[in-house]
PDB file of N, CA and C in Angstrom:
ATOM      1  N   MET A   1     -16.071   9.960  -3.227  1.00  0.00           N
ATOM      2  CA  MET A   1     -14.807  10.767  -4.504  1.00  0.00           C
ATOM      3  C   MET A   1     -13.272  11.592  -4.251  1.00  0.00           C
ATOM      4  N   THR A   2     -13.591  11.695  -2.928  1.00  0.00           N
ATOM      5  CA  THR A   2     -12.279  11.892  -2.717  1.00  0.00           C
ATOM      6  C   THR A   2     -11.473  11.186  -1.974  1.00  0.00           C
ATOM      7  N   LEU A   3     -11.971   9.252  -1.924  1.00  0.00           N
ATOM      8  CA  LEU A   3     -11.048   8.660  -1.725  1.00  0.00           C
ATOM      9  C   LEU A   3     -10.813   8.041  -2.905  1.00  0.00           C
ATOM     10  N   SER A   4     -11.228   8.088  -3.929  1.00  0.00           N
ATOM     11  CA  SER A   4     -11.024   7.402  -5.281  1.00  0.00           C
ATOM     12  C   SER A   4     -10.303   8.877  -5.881  1.00  0.00           C
ATOM     13  N   ILE A   5     -10.624  10.042  -5.722  1.00  0.00           N
ATOM     14  CA  ILE A   5      -9.597  10.417  -6.529  1.00  0.00           C
ATOM     15  C   ILE A   5      -7.533  10.394  -5.991  1.00  0.00           C
ATOM     16  N   THR A   6      -8.186  10.246  -4.431  1.00  0.00           N
ATOM     17  CA  THR A   6      -6.804   9.843  -3.510  1.00  0.00           C
ATOM     18  C   THR A   6      -5.809   8.618  -3.691  1.00  0.00           C
ATOM     19  N   ILE A   7      -6.741   7.174  -4.140  1.00  0.00           N
ATOM     20  CA  ILE A   7      -5.953   6.535  -4.526  1.00  0.00           C
ATOM     21  C   ILE A   7      -5.737   6.320  -6.320  1.00  0.00           C
ATOM     22  N   GLY A   8      -6.135   6.985  -7.056  1.00  0.00           N
ATOM     23  CA  GLY A   8      -6.129   7.192  -8.326  1.00  0.00           C
ATOM     24  C   GLY A   8      -4.039   7.723  -7.829  1.00  0.00           C
ATOM     25  N   VAL A   9      -4.319   9.328  -7.515  1.00  0.00           N
ATOM     26  CA  VAL A   9      -3.566   9.672  -7.177  1.00  0.00           C
ATOM     27  C   VAL A   9      -1.589   9.071  -7.667  1.00  0.00           C
ATOM     28  N   LEU A  10      -2.944   8.509  -5.762  1.00  0.00           N
ATOM     29  CA  LEU A  10      -1.063   7.703  -4.904  1.00  0.00           C
ATOM     30  C   LEU A  10      -1.370   5.893  -6.085  1.00  0.00           C
ATOM     31  N   VAL A  11      -2.261   5.980  -7.559  1.00  0.00           N
ATOM     32  CA  VAL A  11      -1.337   4.168  -8.177  1.00  0.00           C
ATOM     33  C   VAL A  11      -0.069   5.286  -8.845  1.00  0.00           C
ATOM     34  N   THR A  12      -1.158   6.862  -9.892  1.00  0.00           N
ATOM     35  CA  THR A  12      -0.272   7.577 -10.243  1.00  0.00           C
ATOM     36  C   THR A  12       1.239   7.498 -10.058  1.00  0.00           C
ATOM     37  N   GLY A  13       1.445   8.188  -9.013  1.00  0.00           N
ATOM     38  CA  GLY A  13       2.654   8.495  -8.286  1.00  0.00           C
ATOM     39  C   GLY A  13       3.292   6.945  -8.136  1.00  0.00           C
ATOM     40  N   ALA A  14       3.376   6.024  -8.185  1.00  0.00           N
ATOM     41  CA  ALA A  14       3.785   4.331  -8.396  1.00  0.00           C
ATOM     42  C   ALA A  14       4.081   4.328  -9.202  1.00  0.00           C
ATOM     43  N   VAL A  15       3.094   4.335  -9.930  1.00  0.00           N
ATOM     44  CA  VAL A  15       3.826   3.958 -11.141  1.00  0.00           C
ATOM     45  C   VAL A  15       4.648   4.781 -11.364  1.00  0.00           C
ATOM     46  N   PHE A  16       5.101   5.857 -11.452  1.00  0.00           N
ATOM     47  CA  PHE A  16       5.560   6.654 -12.162  1.00  0.00           C
ATOM     48  C   PHE A  16       6.614   6.485 -11.404  1.00  0.00           C
ATOM     49  N   LEU A  17       6.909   5.907 -10.571  1.00  0.00           N
ATOM     50  CA  LEU A  17       8.160   6.173  -9.799  1.00  0.00           C
ATOM     51  C   LEU A  17       9.433   5.022 -10.140  1.00  0.00           C
ATOM     52  N   MET A  18       8.107   3.473 -10.269  1.00  0.00           N
ATOM     53  CA  MET A  18       7.862   1.963 -10.691  1.00  0.00           C
ATOM     54  C   MET A  18       8.867   2.428 -11.358  1.00  0.00           C
ATOM     55  N   LEU A  19       8.598   3.467 -12.623  1.00  0.00           N
ATOM     56  CA  LEU A  19       9.782   3.177 -14.190  1.00  0.00           C
ATOM     57  C   LEU A  19      10.656   4.390 -14.382  1.00  0.00           C
ATOM     58  N   GLN A  20      10.489   4.760 -13.242  1.00  0.00           N
ATOM     59  CA  GLN A  20      13.072   4.810 -13.159  1.00  0.00           C
ATOM     60  C   GLN A  20      14.041   4.176 -13.118  1.00  0.00           C
ATOM     61  N   ARG A  21      15.282   4.753 -13.137  1.00  0.00           N
ATOM     62  CA  ARG A  21      15.778   3.685 -13.236  1.00  0.00           C
ATOM     63  C   ARG A  21      16.747   3.463 -11.754  1.00  0.00           C
ATOM     64  N   GLY A  22      16.513   4.164 -10.516  1.00  0.00           N
ATOM     65  CA  GLY A  22      17.380   4.261  -9.553  1.00  0.00           C
ATOM     66  C   GLY A  22      16.413   3.254  -8.822  1.00  0.00           C
ATOM     67  N   MET A  23      16.778   2.150  -7.778  1.00  0.00           N
ATOM     68  CA  MET A  23      16.598   1.745  -6.608  1.00  0.00           C
ATOM     69  C   MET A  23      15.477   2.316  -5.796  1.00  0.00           C
ATOM     70  N   VAL A  24      15.780   3.116  -5.442  1.00  0.00           N
ATOM     71  CA  VAL A  24      15.287   3.632  -4.327  1.00  0.00           C
ATOM     72  C   VAL A  24      14.554   3.976  -5.043  1.00  0.00           C
ATOM     73  N   ARG A  25      14.507   4.526  -5.266  1.00  0.00           N
ATOM     74  CA  ARG A  25      12.088   5.369  -6.518  1.00  0.00           C
ATOM     75  C   ARG A  25      11.605   3.918  -6.301  1.00  0.00           C
ATOM     76  N   ILE A  26      12.388   3.056  -7.220  1.00  0.00           N
ATOM     77  CA  ILE A  26      11.115   2.307  -7.114  1.00  0.00           C
ATOM     78  C   ILE A  26      10.141   1.187  -5.396  1.00  0.00           C
ATOM     79  N   THR A  27      11.193   1.161  -4.641  1.00  0.00           N
ATOM     80  CA  THR A  27      11.115   1.039  -3.605  1.00  0.00           C
ATOM     81  C   THR A  27      10.365   2.650  -3.138  1.00  0.00           C
ATOM     82  N   PHE A  28       9.549   3.052  -3.492  1.00  0.00           N
ATOM     83  CA  PHE A  28       9.202   4.618  -3.416  1.00  0.00           C
ATOM     84  C   PHE A  28       7.718   4.355  -3.734  1.00  0.00           C
ATOM     85  N   GLY A  29       8.189   3.923  -5.002  1.00  0.00           N
ATOM     86  CA  GLY A  29       6.921   3.641  -5.945  1.00  0.00           C
ATOM     87  C   GLY A  29       6.015   2.294  -4.547  1.00  0.00           C
ATOM     88  N   PHE A  30       6.522   1.491  -4.920  1.00  0.00           N
ATOM     89  CA  PHE A  30       5.686  -0.068  -4.226  1.00  0.00           C
ATOM     90  C   PHE A  30       5.258   1.269  -3.167  1.00  0.00           C
ATOM     91  N   ILE A  31       5.861   2.065  -2.801  1.00  0.00           N
ATOM     92  CA  ILE A  31       5.379   2.105  -1.287  1.00  0.00           C
ATOM     93  C   ILE A  31       4.040   2.863  -1.093  1.00  0.00           C
ATOM     94  N   LEU A  32       4.696   3.731  -2.216  1.00  0.00           N
ATOM     95  CA  LEU A  32       2.615   4.161  -2.309  1.00  0.00           C
ATOM     96  C   LEU A  32       1.292   2.863  -3.273  1.00  0.00           C
ATOM     97  N   LEU A  33       2.267   2.092  -3.593  1.00  0.00           N
ATOM     98  CA  LEU A  33       1.754   1.693  -4.625  1.00  0.00           C
ATOM     99  C   LEU A  33       0.668   0.338  -2.592  1.00  0.00           C
ATOM    100  N   GLY A  34       1.436  -0.005  -1.939  1.00  0.00           N
ATOM    101  CA  GLY A  34       1.079  -0.500  -0.820  1.00  0.00           C
ATOM    102  C   GLY A  34       0.143   0.880  -0.890  1.00  0.00           C
ATOM    103  N   HIS A  35       0.355   1.182   0.131  1.00  0.00           N
ATOM    104  CA  HIS A  35      -1.281   2.959   0.333  1.00  0.00           C
ATOM    105  C   HIS A  35      -1.946   2.759  -0.585  1.00  0.00           C
ATOM    106  N   ALA A  36      -1.899   2.307  -2.144  1.00  0.00           N
ATOM    107  CA  ALA A  36      -3.296   2.503  -1.965  1.00  0.00           C
ATOM    108  C   ALA A  36      -4.008   2.126  -2.366  1.00  0.00           C
ATOM    109  N   ALA A  37      -3.363   0.203  -2.346  1.00  0.00           N
ATOM    110  CA  ALA A  37      -4.109  -1.459  -1.907  1.00  0.00           C
ATOM    111  C   ALA A  37      -4.435  -0.902  -0.663  1.00  0.00           C
ATOM    112  N   ASN A  38      -3.552  -0.579   0.254  1.00  0.00           N
ATOM    113  CA  ASN A  38      -4.379  -0.520   1.876  1.00  0.00           C
ATOM    114  C   ASN A  38      -5.685   0.148   1.932  1.00  0.00           C
ATOM    115  N   LEU A  39      -5.732   1.240   0.741  1.00  0.00           N
ATOM    116  CA  LEU A  39      -6.781   2.592   0.988  1.00  0.00           C
ATOM    117  C   LEU A  39      -8.581   1.564   0.557  1.00  0.00           C
ATOM    118  N   VAL A  40      -7.613   0.787  -1.414  1.00  0.00           N
ATOM    119  CA  VAL A  40      -8.926   0.475  -2.129  1.00  0.00           C
ATOM    120  C   VAL A  40      -9.452  -0.587  -0.936  1.00  0.00           C
ATOM    121  N   LEU A  41      -8.765  -1.699  -0.061  1.00  0.00           N
ATOM    122  CA  LEU A  41      -9.232  -2.861   0.852  1.00  0.00           C
ATOM    123  C   LEU A  41      -9.867  -1.514   2.470  1.00  0.00           C
ATOM    124  N   MET A  42      -9.882  -0.472   2.951  1.00  0.00           N
ATOM    125  CA  MET A  42     -10.525   0.044   3.960  1.00  0.00           C
ATOM    126  C   MET A  42     -11.593   0.425   3.334  1.00  0.00           C
ATOM    127  N   SER A  43     -11.693   0.458   2.013  1.00  0.00           N
ATOM    128  CA  SER A  43     -13.427   1.081   1.023  1.00  0.00           C
ATOM    129  C   SER A  43     -14.244  -0.066   1.230  1.00  0.00           C
ATOM    130  N   SER A  44     -13.083  -0.783   0.306  1.00  0.00           N
ATOM    131  CA  SER A  44     -14.198  -2.294   0.366  1.00  0.00           C
ATOM    132  C   SER A  44     -15.010  -2.912   0.861  1.00  0.00           C
ATOM    133  N   GLY A  45     -15.227  -2.661   2.682  1.00  0.00           N
ATOM    134  CA  GLY A  45     -15.971  -2.831   3.958  1.00  0.00           C
ATOM    135  C   GLY A  45     -17.132  -1.307   4.106  1.00  0.00           C
ATOM    136  N   GLY A  46     -17.267  -0.347   3.942  1.00  0.00           N
ATOM    137  CA  GLY A  46     -18.036   0.227   4.757  1.00  0.00           C
ATOM    138  C   GLY A  46     -17.924   0.414   5.642  1.00  0.00           C
ATOM    139  N   THR A  47     -16.396   0.384   6.467  1.00  0.00           N
ATOM    140  CA  THR A  47     -16.897   0.658   7.463  1.00  0.00           C
ATOM    141  C   THR A  47     -17.283   2.101   7.780  1.00  0.00           C
ATOM    142  N   TYR A  48     -18.103   3.413   6.924  1.00  0.00           N
ATOM    143  CA  TYR A  48     -18.283   4.579   6.932  1.00  0.00           C
ATOM    144  C   TYR A  48     -20.242   4.252   7.527  1.00  0.00           C
ATOM    145  N   LEU A  49     -20.073   2.792   6.692  1.00  0.00           N
ATOM    146  CA  LEU A  49     -21.855   3.406   6.739  1.00  0.00           C
ATOM    147  C   LEU A  49     -22.163   2.253   8.529  1.00  0.00           C
ATOM    148  N   ARG A  50     -21.681   1.434   9.430  1.00  0.00           N
ATOM    149  CA  ARG A  50     -21.558   0.794  10.608  1.00  0.00           C
ATOM    150  C   ARG A  50     -20.688   1.009  11.907  1.00  0.00           C
ATOM    151  N   ALA A  51     -21.208   0.611  12.576  1.00  0.00           N
ATOM    152  CA  ALA A  51     -20.583   0.413  13.642  1.00  0.00           C
ATOM    153  C   ALA A  51     -19.013   0.098  13.675  1.00  0.00           C
ATOM    154  N   GLN A  52     -18.735   0.102  15.167  1.00  0.00           N
ATOM    155  CA  GLN A  52     -17.405  -0.061  15.072  1.00  0.00           C
ATOM    156  C   GLN A  52     -17.241  -1.881  15.795  1.00  0.00           C
ATOM    157  N   PRO A  53     -15.946  -3.133  14.899  1.00  0.00           N
ATOM    158  CA  PRO A  53     -17.203  -4.541  14.569  1.00  0.00           C
ATOM    159  C   PRO A  53     -16.095  -5.086  15.803  1.00  0.00           C
ATOM    160  N   LEU A  54     -16.622  -4.440  17.066  1.00  0.00           N
ATOM    161  CA  LEU A  54     -16.036  -5.099  18.598  1.00  0.00           C
ATOM    162  C   LEU A  54     -18.478  -5.458  19.044  1.00  0.00           C
ATOM    163  N   LEU A  55     -17.884  -6.389  19.020  1.00  0.00           N
ATOM    164  CA  LEU A  55     -20.276  -7.348  19.623  1.00  0.00           C
ATOM    165  C   LEU A  55     -19.825  -6.446  21.327  1.00  0.00           C
ATOM    166  N   GLY A  56     -18.767  -6.356  21.561  1.00  0.00           N
ATOM    167  CA  GLY A  56     -19.526  -6.551  23.172  1.00  0.00           C
ATOM    168  C   GLY A  56     -19.953  -5.285  23.307  1.00  0.00           C
ATOM    169  N   TYR A  57     -19.601  -4.195  22.117  1.00  0.00           N
ATOM    170  CA  TYR A  57     -21.061  -2.356  21.964  1.00  0.00           C
ATOM    171  C   TYR A  57     -21.824  -2.876  21.135  1.00  0.00           C
ATOM    172  N   THR A  58     -21.541  -3.197  20.598  1.00  0.00           N
ATOM    173  CA  THR A  58     -22.656  -3.526  18.517  1.00  0.00           C
ATOM    174  C   THR A  58     -23.558  -4.240  19.186  1.00  0.00           C
ATOM    175  N   ASN A  59     -24.489  -3.778  17.866  1.00  0.00           N
ATOM    176  CA  ASN A  59     -25.122  -5.007  17.721  1.00  0.00           C
ATOM    177  C   ASN A  59     -24.553  -6.742  16.267  1.00  0.00           C
ATOM    178  N   ALA A  60     -24.348  -7.610  16.466  1.00  0.00           N
ATOM    179  CA  ALA A  60     -24.370  -7.916  15.220  1.00  0.00           C
ATOM    180  C   ALA A  60     -23.892  -7.514  13.900  1.00  0.00           C
ATOM    181  N   GLU A  61     -26.290  -7.063  13.755  1.00  0.00           N
ATOM    182  CA  GLU A  61     -26.953  -6.046  12.085  1.00  0.00           C
ATOM    183  C   GLU A  61     -25.772  -5.504  11.977  1.00  0.00           C
ATOM    184  N   ASP A  62     -25.518  -4.197  13.307  1.00  0.00           N
ATOM    185  CA  ASP A  62     -24.494  -3.630  12.851  1.00  0.00           C
ATOM    186  C   ASP A  62     -23.399  -3.136  12.708  1.00  0.00           C
ATOM    187  N   ALA A  63     -22.776  -4.023  13.992  1.00  0.00           N
ATOM    188  CA  ALA A  63     -20.976  -3.986  12.755  1.00  0.00           C
ATOM    189  C   ALA A  63     -20.906  -4.403  11.450  1.00  0.00           C
ATOM    190  N   SER A  64     -19.787  -3.425  11.840  1.00  0.00           N
ATOM    191  CA  SER A  64     -19.366  -3.466  10.298  1.00  0.00           C
ATOM    192  C   SER A  64     -18.455  -4.992   9.913  1.00  0.00           C
ATOM    193  N   ASP A  65     -17.682  -4.896   9.201  1.00  0.00           N
ATOM    194  CA  ASP A  65     -17.090  -6.440   7.850  1.00  0.00           C
ATOM    195  C   ASP A  65     -15.921  -6.250   9.657  1.00  0.00           C
ATOM    196  N   PRO A  66     -14.703  -7.128   9.097  1.00  0.00           N
ATOM    197  CA  PRO A  66     -13.161  -7.001   9.918  1.00  0.00           C
ATOM    198  C   PRO A  66     -12.890  -7.813   9.461  1.00  0.00           C
ATOM    199  N   LEU A  67     -13.107  -7.896   8.531  1.00  0.00           N
ATOM    200  CA  LEU A  67     -12.397  -8.594   8.143  1.00  0.00           C
ATOM    201  C   LEU A  67     -10.937  -7.860   6.833  1.00  0.00           C
ATOM    202  N   PRO A  68     -12.064  -6.701   6.048  1.00  0.00           N
ATOM    203  CA  PRO A  68     -10.913  -5.789   5.313  1.00  0.00           C
ATOM    204  C   PRO A  68     -10.345  -5.112   6.208  1.00  0.00           C
ATOM    205  N   GLN A  69     -10.327  -5.443   7.190  1.00  0.00           N
ATOM    206  CA  GLN A  69      -9.310  -3.851   8.759  1.00  0.00           C
ATOM    207  C   GLN A  69      -8.383  -5.340   9.062  1.00  0.00           C
ATOM    208  N   ALA A  70      -8.484  -6.790   9.342  1.00  0.00           N
ATOM    209  CA  ALA A  70      -7.475  -7.575   9.063  1.00  0.00           C
ATOM    210  C   ALA A  70      -6.632  -7.864   7.724  1.00  0.00           C
ATOM    211  N   PHE A  71      -7.055  -7.434   6.360  1.00  0.00           N
ATOM    212  CA  PHE A  71      -6.773  -7.657   5.434  1.00  0.00           C
ATOM    213  C   PHE A  71      -5.297  -6.732   5.333  1.00  0.00           C
ATOM    214  N   VAL A  72      -6.199  -5.848   5.480  1.00  0.00           N
ATOM    215  CA  VAL A  72      -5.561  -4.262   5.742  1.00  0.00           C
ATOM    216  C   VAL A  72      -4.189  -4.589   6.899  1.00  0.00           C
ATOM    217  N   LEU A  73      -4.196  -5.181   7.516  1.00  0.00           N
ATOM    218  CA  LEU A  73      -3.134  -5.415   8.853  1.00  0.00           C
ATOM    219  C   LEU A  73      -2.143  -6.590   7.696  1.00  0.00           C
ATOM    220  N   THR A  74      -2.812  -7.327   7.230  1.00  0.00           N
ATOM    221  CA  THR A  74      -1.567  -8.556   6.773  1.00  0.00           C
ATOM    222  C   THR A  74      -0.410  -7.574   6.171  1.00  0.00           C
ATOM    223  N   ALA A  75      -1.886  -6.737   4.503  1.00  0.00           N
ATOM    224  CA  ALA A  75      -0.906  -6.028   3.587  1.00  0.00           C
ATOM    225  C   ALA A  75       0.225  -5.014   4.508  1.00  0.00           C
ATOM    226  N   ILE A  76      -0.494  -4.456   5.959  1.00  0.00           N
ATOM    227  CA  ILE A  76       1.367  -2.978   6.694  1.00  0.00           C
ATOM    228  C   ILE A  76       2.235  -3.678   6.355  1.00  0.00           C
ATOM    229  N   VAL A  77       2.073  -5.567   6.902  1.00  0.00           N
ATOM    230  CA  VAL A  77       2.744  -6.220   7.083  1.00  0.00           C
ATOM    231  C   VAL A  77       4.471  -6.365   5.919  1.00  0.00           C
ATOM    232  N   ILE A  78       2.907  -7.186   4.711  1.00  0.00           N
ATOM    233  CA  ILE A  78       3.856  -7.575   3.613  1.00  0.00           C
ATOM    234  C   ILE A  78       4.621  -6.587   3.376  1.00  0.00           C
ATOM    235  N   THR A  79       3.716  -4.925   3.111  1.00  0.00           N
ATOM    236  CA  THR A  79       4.550  -4.353   2.465  1.00  0.00           C
ATOM    237  C   THR A  79       5.697  -3.055   3.509  1.00  0.00           C
ATOM    238  N   PHE A  80       5.795  -3.469   4.206  1.00  0.00           N
ATOM    239  CA  PHE A  80       6.940  -3.977   5.213  1.00  0.00           C
ATOM    240  C   PHE A  80       7.993  -4.073   5.262  1.00  0.00           C
ATOM    241  N   SER A  81       7.852  -5.440   5.113  1.00  0.00           N
ATOM    242  CA  SER A  81       8.890  -6.089   5.017  1.00  0.00           C
ATOM    243  C   SER A  81       8.882  -6.148   3.250  1.00  0.00           C
ATOM    244  N   ILE A  82       8.958  -6.226   1.920  1.00  0.00           N
ATOM    245  CA  ILE A  82       9.034  -5.745   0.424  1.00  0.00           C
ATOM    246  C   ILE A  82       9.926  -4.440   0.321  1.00  0.00           C
ATOM    247  N   THR A  83       9.849  -3.746   1.142  1.00  0.00           N
ATOM    248  CA  THR A  83      10.713  -2.453   0.896  1.00  0.00           C
ATOM    249  C   THR A  83      11.500  -2.842   1.998  1.00  0.00           C
ATOM    250  N   ILE A  84      11.191  -3.455   3.470  1.00  0.00           N
ATOM    251  CA  ILE A  84      13.056  -3.404   3.629  1.00  0.00           C
ATOM    252  C   ILE A  84      13.893  -4.422   2.660  1.00  0.00           C
ATOM    253  N   TYR A  85      14.264  -5.430   2.885  1.00  0.00           N
ATOM    254  CA  TYR A  85      13.590  -5.945   1.425  1.00  0.00           C
ATOM    255  C   TYR A  85      15.011  -5.365  -0.225  1.00  0.00           C
ATOM    256  N   MET A  86      13.663  -4.612  -0.805  1.00  0.00           N
ATOM    257  CA  MET A  86      13.915  -3.575  -1.615  1.00  0.00           C
ATOM    258  C   MET A  86      14.848  -2.993  -1.034  1.00  0.00           C
ATOM    259  N   LEU A  87      15.026  -2.280   0.304  1.00  0.00           N
ATOM    260  CA  LEU A  87      16.053  -1.464   0.201  1.00  0.00           C
ATOM    261  C   LEU A  87      17.817  -1.840   0.841  1.00  0.00           C
ATOM    262  N   THR A  88      17.589  -2.665   1.107  1.00  0.00           N
ATOM    263  CA  THR A  88      18.987  -3.565   1.031  1.00  0.00           C
ATOM    264  C   THR A  88      19.088  -4.239   0.265  1.00  0.00           C
ATOM    265  N   LEU A  89      17.568  -4.380  -0.946  1.00  0.00           N
ATOM    266  CA  LEU A  89      19.151  -4.499  -1.970  1.00  0.00           C
ATOM    267  C   LEU A  89      19.448  -3.125  -2.740  1.00  0.00           C
ATOM    268  N   ALA A  90      19.013  -1.888  -2.962  1.00  0.00           N
ATOM    269  CA  ALA A  90      19.207  -1.069  -3.485  1.00  0.00           C
ATOM    270  C   ALA A  90      20.571  -0.557  -2.435  1.00  0.00           C
ATOM    271  N   ALA A  91      20.958  -0.791  -0.765  1.00  0.00           N
ATOM    272  CA  ALA A  91      22.268  -0.618  -0.259  1.00  0.00           C
ATOM    273  C   ALA A  91      23.258  -1.052  -0.803  1.00  0.00           C
ATOM    274  N   THR A  92      23.127  -2.513  -0.458  1.00  0.00           N
ATOM    275  CA  THR A  92      23.970  -3.711  -1.281  1.00  0.00           C
ATOM    276  C   THR A  92      24.558  -4.180  -2.955  1.00  0.00           C
ATOM    277  N   GLY A  93      23.765  -3.165  -3.328  1.00  0.00           N
ATOM    278  CA  GLY A  93      24.476  -3.792  -4.973  1.00  0.00           C
ATOM    279  C   GLY A  93      24.478  -2.254  -5.857  1.00  0.00           C
ATOM    280  N   ARG A  94      26.159  -2.523  -7.150  1.00  0.00           N
ATOM    281  CA  ARG A  94      26.079  -1.909  -7.330  1.00  0.00           C
ATOM    282  C   ARG A  94      24.982  -0.725  -8.642  1.00  0.00           C
ATOM    283  N   ASP A  95      26.282   0.090  -8.937  1.00  0.00           N
ATOM    284  CA  ASP A  95      25.208   1.415  -9.356  1.00  0.00           C
ATOM    285  C   ASP A  95      24.077   0.298 -10.948  1.00  0.00           C
ATOM    286  N   ASP A  96      22.902   0.679 -11.168  1.00  0.00           N
ATOM    287  CA  ASP A  96      22.842   0.683 -11.653  1.00  0.00           C
ATOM    288  C   ASP A  96      22.754   0.553 -13.647  1.00  0.00           C
ATOM    289  N   ASP A  97      23.787   1.822 -13.319  1.00  0.00           N
ATOM    290  CA  ASP A  97      24.141   2.522 -14.648  1.00  0.00           C
ATOM    291  C   ASP A  97      24.105   1.891 -15.865  1.00  0.00           C
ATOM    292  N   THR A  98      23.816   1.835 -17.167  1.00  0.00           N
ATOM    293  CA  THR A  98      23.930   0.758 -18.041  1.00  0.00           C
ATOM    294  C   THR A  98      23.514   1.672 -19.041  1.00  0.00           C
ATOM    295  N   GLU A  99      24.160   2.545 -19.155  1.00  0.00           N
ATOM    296  CA  GLU A  99      24.679   3.463 -20.292  1.00  0.00           C
ATOM    297  C   GLU A  99      25.895   3.740 -20.159  1.00  0.00           C
ATOM    298  N   ASP A 100      26.618   4.155 -19.431  1.00  0.00           N
ATOM    299  CA  ASP A 100      27.841   3.332 -20.152  1.00  0.00           C
ATOM    300  C   ASP A 100      28.113   1.846 -20.061  1.00  0.00           C
ATOM    301  N   VAL A 101      28.980   1.739 -21.374  1.00  0.00           N
ATOM    302  CA  VAL A 101      29.425   1.130 -21.745  1.00  0.00           C
ATOM    303  C   VAL A 101      31.443   0.650 -21.361  1.00  0.00           C
ATOM    304  N   SER A 102      31.837   1.191 -21.273  1.00  0.00           N
ATOM    305  CA  SER A 102      33.335   1.494 -21.234  1.00  0.00           C
ATOM    306  C   SER A 102      33.852  -0.006 -20.357  1.00  0.00           C
TER     307      SER A 102
END
């Protein structure tokens, strides 16, 4: 229950930040969305029900599935690269204020 509420709060904050006008706020929204996606992927693995996924320490029947953990590691790398790219765009971009038409 706590995990689902945490994911919901992260997604809500991400949507709120991505609807803002500043590029840095949009980037922070994508970071929050990445964290929420990582929590969803980790919760899909059900690691709390099983032992560690190392076959040398546990039986194959008791070991948890290591695939969601690999997906989370991949998602962390992708989120990091998107964050660096968006922060670079925010630093090199001009002011995105479209209210002034002068």
